[in-house]
Amino acid sequence: MEHTSVENSSASTFSITEEDHTLANSVRFVLNQDPRVAFCGYSIPHPADNKVNIRVQTTGDPAKDVLKDSLQDLMVMCQNVRERFDTAVADFRRPNTAEAMDIDLSKK
């Protein structure tokens, strides 16, 4: 849910339910990398609520568009991490024979 004023679309607060610090801090990090963002922060209204409020103030672009772009960037980052993790797990599970490790056994 977006909370914004009608006059100024460059500053908005977004409420996201069923989320916590994990997503909020990641989104805050990606938003702060964007040069269009003047301020970004988040709060959790109450520890018992699974809800975060993310405040975005931009240099002029609509806050909703900047948040959407940042969420897409975060998705790409997560996909990259997942691919690297899957590759590392597959490499770890592969048998480690001397031939597979490219070790020259003739040098002793």
N, C-alpha and C. Protein backbone atom coordinates (compact mmCIF):
# COMPACT_ATOMS: atom_id res chain seq x y z
N MET A 1 0.85 -1.16 0.00
CA MET A 1 0.00 0.00 0.00
C MET A 1 0.90 1.23 0.00
N GLU A 2 0.53 2.21 -0.79
CA GLU A 2 1.29 3.44 -0.91
C GLU A 2 0.58 4.56 -0.18
N HIS A 3 1.34 5.33 0.59
CA HIS A 3 0.83 6.51 1.26
C HIS A 3 1.59 7.71 0.69
N THR A 4 0.92 8.52 -0.10
CA THR A 4 1.58 9.66 -0.73
C THR A 4 0.62 10.83 -0.80
N SER A 5 1.16 12.00 -1.02
CA SER A 5 0.30 13.16 -1.20
C SER A 5 -0.02 13.31 -2.68
N VAL A 6 -1.12 13.91 -2.97
CA VAL A 6 -1.54 14.10 -4.36
C VAL A 6 -0.62 15.09 -5.07
N GLU A 7 -0.15 16.09 -4.34
CA GLU A 7 0.66 17.14 -4.94
C GLU A 7 2.09 16.70 -5.24
N ASN A 8 2.66 15.79 -4.43
CA ASN A 8 4.06 15.46 -4.56
C ASN A 8 4.24 13.95 -4.65
N SER A 9 4.45 13.46 -5.86
CA SER A 9 4.63 12.02 -6.05
C SER A 9 6.08 11.59 -5.84
N SER A 10 6.98 12.54 -5.54
CA SER A 10 8.38 12.18 -5.36
C SER A 10 8.69 11.74 -3.93
N ALA A 11 7.72 11.78 -3.05
CA ALA A 11 7.90 11.32 -1.67
C ALA A 11 6.72 10.45 -1.28
N SER A 12 7.01 9.21 -0.92
CA SER A 12 5.95 8.26 -0.55
C SER A 12 6.44 7.31 0.52
N THR A 13 5.49 6.78 1.25
CA THR A 13 5.75 5.71 2.20
C THR A 13 4.97 4.49 1.73
N PHE A 14 5.65 3.37 1.66
CA PHE A 14 5.04 2.13 1.19
C PHE A 14 4.96 1.16 2.35
N SER A 15 3.78 0.61 2.60
CA SER A 15 3.60 -0.40 3.64
C SER A 15 3.55 -1.76 2.98
N ILE A 16 4.39 -2.66 3.46
CA ILE A 16 4.45 -4.01 2.92
C ILE A 16 4.17 -4.97 4.06
N THR A 17 3.12 -5.77 3.90
CA THR A 17 2.75 -6.71 4.95
C THR A 17 3.47 -8.04 4.78
N GLU A 18 3.52 -8.79 5.85
CA GLU A 18 4.14 -10.11 5.89
C GLU A 18 5.62 -10.07 5.53
N GLU A 19 6.30 -8.98 5.90
CA GLU A 19 7.74 -8.85 5.67
C GLU A 19 8.41 -8.32 6.92
N ASP A 20 9.74 -8.42 6.94
CA ASP A 20 10.49 -7.97 8.11
C ASP A 20 11.79 -7.30 7.66
N HIS A 21 12.77 -7.26 8.57
CA HIS A 21 14.04 -6.58 8.29
C HIS A 21 14.76 -7.16 7.08
N THR A 22 14.58 -8.45 6.80
CA THR A 22 15.31 -9.09 5.71
C THR A 22 15.05 -8.39 4.38
N LEU A 23 13.81 -8.25 4.04
CA LEU A 23 13.48 -7.57 2.78
C LEU A 23 13.70 -6.06 2.90
N ALA A 24 13.27 -5.46 3.99
CA ALA A 24 13.32 -4.01 4.13
C ALA A 24 14.75 -3.49 4.04
N ASN A 25 15.68 -4.14 4.71
CA ASN A 25 17.06 -3.67 4.67
C ASN A 25 17.68 -3.86 3.29
N SER A 26 17.33 -4.93 2.60
CA SER A 26 17.82 -5.16 1.24
C SER A 26 17.29 -4.10 0.28
N VAL A 27 16.00 -3.80 0.39
CA VAL A 27 15.40 -2.77 -0.47
C VAL A 27 16.01 -1.40 -0.17
N ARG A 28 16.21 -1.11 1.11
CA ARG A 28 16.82 0.16 1.50
C ARG A 28 18.22 0.29 0.90
N PHE A 29 19.00 -0.79 0.95
CA PHE A 29 20.34 -0.77 0.39
C PHE A 29 20.32 -0.47 -1.10
N VAL A 30 19.46 -1.17 -1.85
CA VAL A 30 19.40 -0.98 -3.30
C VAL A 30 18.89 0.43 -3.63
N LEU A 31 17.89 0.90 -2.90
CA LEU A 31 17.37 2.25 -3.14
C LEU A 31 18.45 3.31 -2.91
N ASN A 32 19.27 3.13 -1.88
CA ASN A 32 20.31 4.12 -1.59
C ASN A 32 21.43 4.12 -2.63
N GLN A 33 21.50 3.10 -3.46
CA GLN A 33 22.47 3.07 -4.56
C GLN A 33 22.00 3.88 -5.77
N ASP A 34 20.72 4.17 -5.82
CA ASP A 34 20.11 4.88 -6.95
C ASP A 34 20.34 6.38 -6.80
N PRO A 35 20.93 7.02 -7.80
CA PRO A 35 21.19 8.47 -7.70
C PRO A 35 19.92 9.32 -7.67
N ARG A 36 18.78 8.74 -8.04
CA ARG A 36 17.52 9.49 -8.01
C ARG A 36 16.94 9.58 -6.60
N VAL A 37 17.49 8.84 -5.66
CA VAL A 37 16.95 8.79 -4.31
C VAL A 37 17.66 9.82 -3.42
N ALA A 38 16.86 10.70 -2.83
CA ALA A 38 17.39 11.69 -1.90
C ALA A 38 17.40 11.12 -0.48
N PHE A 39 16.40 10.33 -0.13
CA PHE A 39 16.31 9.72 1.18
C PHE A 39 15.55 8.41 1.08
N CYS A 40 16.00 7.44 1.85
CA CYS A 40 15.29 6.18 1.96
C CYS A 40 15.55 5.60 3.35
N GLY A 41 14.49 5.12 3.95
CA GLY A 41 14.61 4.47 5.24
C GLY A 41 13.41 3.58 5.45
N TYR A 42 13.50 2.75 6.48
CA TYR A 42 12.36 1.89 6.77
C TYR A 42 12.15 1.80 8.27
N SER A 43 10.94 1.44 8.62
CA SER A 43 10.61 1.22 10.03
C SER A 43 9.66 0.04 10.14
N ILE A 44 9.69 -0.56 11.31
CA ILE A 44 8.74 -1.61 11.64
C ILE A 44 7.89 -1.06 12.77
N PRO A 45 6.60 -0.79 12.51
CA PRO A 45 5.76 -0.11 13.49
C PRO A 45 5.70 -0.81 14.85
N HIS A 46 5.64 -2.14 14.84
CA HIS A 46 5.57 -2.89 16.09
C HIS A 46 6.16 -4.27 15.85
N PRO A 47 6.96 -4.77 16.79
CA PRO A 47 7.59 -6.09 16.57
C PRO A 47 6.61 -7.23 16.37
N ALA A 48 5.42 -7.11 16.88
CA ALA A 48 4.43 -8.17 16.73
C ALA A 48 3.77 -8.16 15.35
N ASP A 49 3.90 -7.05 14.63
CA ASP A 49 3.30 -6.94 13.29
C ASP A 49 4.32 -7.34 12.24
N ASN A 50 3.92 -8.17 11.29
CA ASN A 50 4.76 -8.50 10.15
C ASN A 50 4.52 -7.47 9.07
N LYS A 51 5.00 -6.25 9.33
CA LYS A 51 4.75 -5.15 8.40
C LYS A 51 5.95 -4.20 8.47
N VAL A 52 6.35 -3.71 7.30
CA VAL A 52 7.40 -2.70 7.24
C VAL A 52 6.88 -1.49 6.47
N ASN A 53 7.36 -0.33 6.86
CA ASN A 53 7.09 0.90 6.13
C ASN A 53 8.39 1.38 5.52
N ILE A 54 8.40 1.57 4.21
CA ILE A 54 9.59 2.05 3.52
C ILE A 54 9.30 3.45 2.99
N ARG A 55 10.10 4.41 3.42
CA ARG A 55 9.95 5.80 3.01
C ARG A 55 10.95 6.09 1.91
N VAL A 56 10.46 6.63 0.78
CA VAL A 56 11.31 6.97 -0.36
C VAL A 56 11.05 8.41 -0.75
N GLN A 57 12.12 9.20 -0.80
CA GLN A 57 12.06 10.56 -1.31
C GLN A 57 13.06 10.67 -2.44
N THR A 58 12.60 11.14 -3.58
CA THR A 58 13.45 11.20 -4.76
C THR A 58 13.78 12.64 -5.12
N THR A 59 14.63 12.79 -6.11
CA THR A 59 15.01 14.12 -6.58
C THR A 59 14.02 14.68 -7.59
N GLY A 60 12.96 13.95 -7.86
CA GLY A 60 11.95 14.45 -8.79
C GLY A 60 11.12 13.38 -9.45
N ASP A 61 11.70 12.20 -9.66
CA ASP A 61 10.96 11.10 -10.27
C ASP A 61 9.91 10.57 -9.29
N PRO A 62 8.84 9.99 -9.80
CA PRO A 62 7.84 9.40 -8.90
C PRO A 62 8.45 8.30 -8.04
N ALA A 63 8.20 8.36 -6.75
CA ALA A 63 8.77 7.39 -5.81
C ALA A 63 8.35 5.97 -6.15
N LYS A 64 7.13 5.80 -6.63
CA LYS A 64 6.64 4.47 -6.98
C LYS A 64 7.49 3.86 -8.09
N ASP A 65 7.85 4.65 -9.10
CA ASP A 65 8.67 4.14 -10.20
C ASP A 65 10.08 3.78 -9.73
N VAL A 66 10.64 4.62 -8.87
CA VAL A 66 11.99 4.36 -8.35
C VAL A 66 12.00 3.10 -7.50
N LEU A 67 10.97 2.91 -6.67
CA LEU A 67 10.87 1.69 -5.87
C LEU A 67 10.74 0.47 -6.77
N LYS A 68 9.91 0.57 -7.78
CA LYS A 68 9.73 -0.55 -8.71
C LYS A 68 11.05 -0.92 -9.39
N ASP A 69 11.79 0.08 -9.85
CA ASP A 69 13.09 -0.18 -10.48
C ASP A 69 14.06 -0.84 -9.50
N SER A 70 14.07 -0.37 -8.26
CA SER A 70 14.96 -0.93 -7.26
C SER A 70 14.59 -2.37 -6.92
N LEU A 71 13.30 -2.66 -6.86
CA LEU A 71 12.88 -4.03 -6.59
C LEU A 71 13.28 -4.96 -7.73
N GLN A 72 13.21 -4.46 -8.96
CA GLN A 72 13.66 -5.27 -10.10
C GLN A 72 15.17 -5.50 -10.04
N ASP A 73 15.93 -4.46 -9.65
CA ASP A 73 17.38 -4.62 -9.48
C ASP A 73 17.69 -5.64 -8.40
N LEU A 74 16.95 -5.60 -7.31
CA LEU A 74 17.15 -6.56 -6.22
C LEU A 74 16.85 -7.98 -6.69
N MET A 75 15.82 -8.15 -7.50
CA MET A 75 15.51 -9.47 -8.04
C MET A 75 16.66 -10.00 -8.89
N VAL A 76 17.25 -9.14 -9.71
CA VAL A 76 18.39 -9.55 -10.55
C VAL A 76 19.57 -9.95 -9.66
N MET A 77 19.81 -9.17 -8.61
CA MET A 77 20.90 -9.50 -7.69
C MET A 77 20.67 -10.87 -7.04
N CYS A 78 19.45 -11.10 -6.59
CA CYS A 78 19.11 -12.38 -5.95
C CYS A 78 19.25 -13.54 -6.92
N GLN A 79 18.83 -13.35 -8.17
CA GLN A 79 18.97 -14.40 -9.17
C GLN A 79 20.44 -14.71 -9.42
N ASN A 80 21.28 -13.67 -9.44
CA ASN A 80 22.71 -13.87 -9.65
C ASN A 80 23.32 -14.65 -8.49
N VAL A 81 22.96 -14.29 -7.27
CA VAL A 81 23.46 -15.00 -6.09
C VAL A 81 23.01 -16.46 -6.14
N ARG A 82 21.74 -16.69 -6.50
CA ARG A 82 21.22 -18.06 -6.57
C ARG A 82 21.97 -18.89 -7.61
N GLU A 83 22.24 -18.30 -8.78
CA GLU A 83 22.97 -19.02 -9.83
C GLU A 83 24.38 -19.37 -9.37
N ARG A 84 25.07 -18.42 -8.73
CA ARG A 84 26.42 -18.67 -8.24
C ARG A 84 26.41 -19.74 -7.14
N PHE A 85 25.42 -19.69 -6.28
CA PHE A 85 25.30 -20.68 -5.22
C PHE A 85 25.08 -22.07 -5.81
N ASP A 86 24.14 -22.17 -6.75
CA ASP A 86 23.85 -23.47 -7.38
C ASP A 86 25.09 -24.02 -8.08
N THR A 87 25.85 -23.16 -8.74
CA THR A 87 27.08 -23.57 -9.42
C THR A 87 28.11 -24.07 -8.41
N ALA A 88 28.25 -23.35 -7.31
CA ALA A 88 29.20 -23.76 -6.28
C ALA A 88 28.82 -25.09 -5.65
N VAL A 89 27.53 -25.31 -5.42
CA VAL A 89 27.08 -26.58 -4.86
C VAL A 89 27.34 -27.71 -5.85
N ALA A 90 27.05 -27.48 -7.12
CA ALA A 90 27.29 -28.51 -8.13
C ALA A 90 28.78 -28.82 -8.23
N ASP A 91 29.63 -27.80 -8.17
CA ASP A 91 31.08 -28.02 -8.21
C ASP A 91 31.55 -28.80 -6.98
N PHE A 92 30.98 -28.52 -5.83
CA PHE A 92 31.36 -29.22 -4.60
C PHE A 92 30.96 -30.68 -4.65
N ARG A 93 29.82 -30.97 -5.22
CA ARG A 93 29.32 -32.35 -5.26
C ARG A 93 30.00 -33.21 -6.33
N ARG A 94 30.67 -32.57 -7.27
CA ARG A 94 31.36 -33.30 -8.32
C ARG A 94 32.51 -34.10 -7.71
N PRO A 95 32.76 -35.32 -8.19
CA PRO A 95 33.88 -36.10 -7.63
C PRO A 95 35.20 -35.37 -7.86
N ASN A 96 36.03 -35.37 -6.83
CA ASN A 96 37.30 -34.66 -6.91
C ASN A 96 38.44 -35.63 -7.22
N THR A 97 38.47 -36.14 -8.44
CA THR A 97 39.57 -36.99 -8.85
C THR A 97 40.73 -36.10 -9.28
N ALA A 98 41.89 -36.68 -9.37
CA ALA A 98 43.07 -35.91 -9.76
C ALA A 98 42.90 -35.34 -11.17
N GLU A 99 42.25 -36.09 -12.04
CA GLU A 99 42.04 -35.62 -13.40
C GLU A 99 41.08 -34.43 -13.43
N ALA A 100 40.02 -34.50 -12.61
CA ALA A 100 39.04 -33.42 -12.57
C ALA A 100 39.62 -32.15 -11.98
N MET A 101 40.58 -32.29 -11.04
CA MET A 101 41.20 -31.13 -10.43
C MET A 101 42.37 -30.60 -11.24
N ASP A 102 42.70 -31.28 -12.33
CA ASP A 102 43.80 -30.87 -13.21
C ASP A 102 45.12 -30.81 -12.45
N ILE A 103 45.40 -31.91 -11.73
CA ILE A 103 46.65 -32.01 -10.97
C ILE A 103 47.62 -32.90 -11.74
N ASP A 104 48.85 -32.43 -11.83
CA ASP A 104 49.89 -33.19 -12.52
C ASP A 104 50.54 -34.13 -11.50
N LEU A 105 50.23 -35.42 -11.60
CA LEU A 105 50.73 -36.40 -10.64
C LEU A 105 52.16 -36.82 -10.94
N SER A 106 52.70 -36.44 -12.10
CA SER A 106 54.07 -36.85 -12.45
C SER A 106 55.10 -36.04 -11.69
N LYS A 107 54.76 -34.94 -11.12
CA LYS A 107 55.72 -34.10 -10.37
C LYS A 107 55.69 -34.50 -8.91
N LYS A 108 56.69 -35.25 -8.51
CA LYS A 108 56.79 -35.65 -7.10
C LYS A 108 58.19 -35.53 -6.64
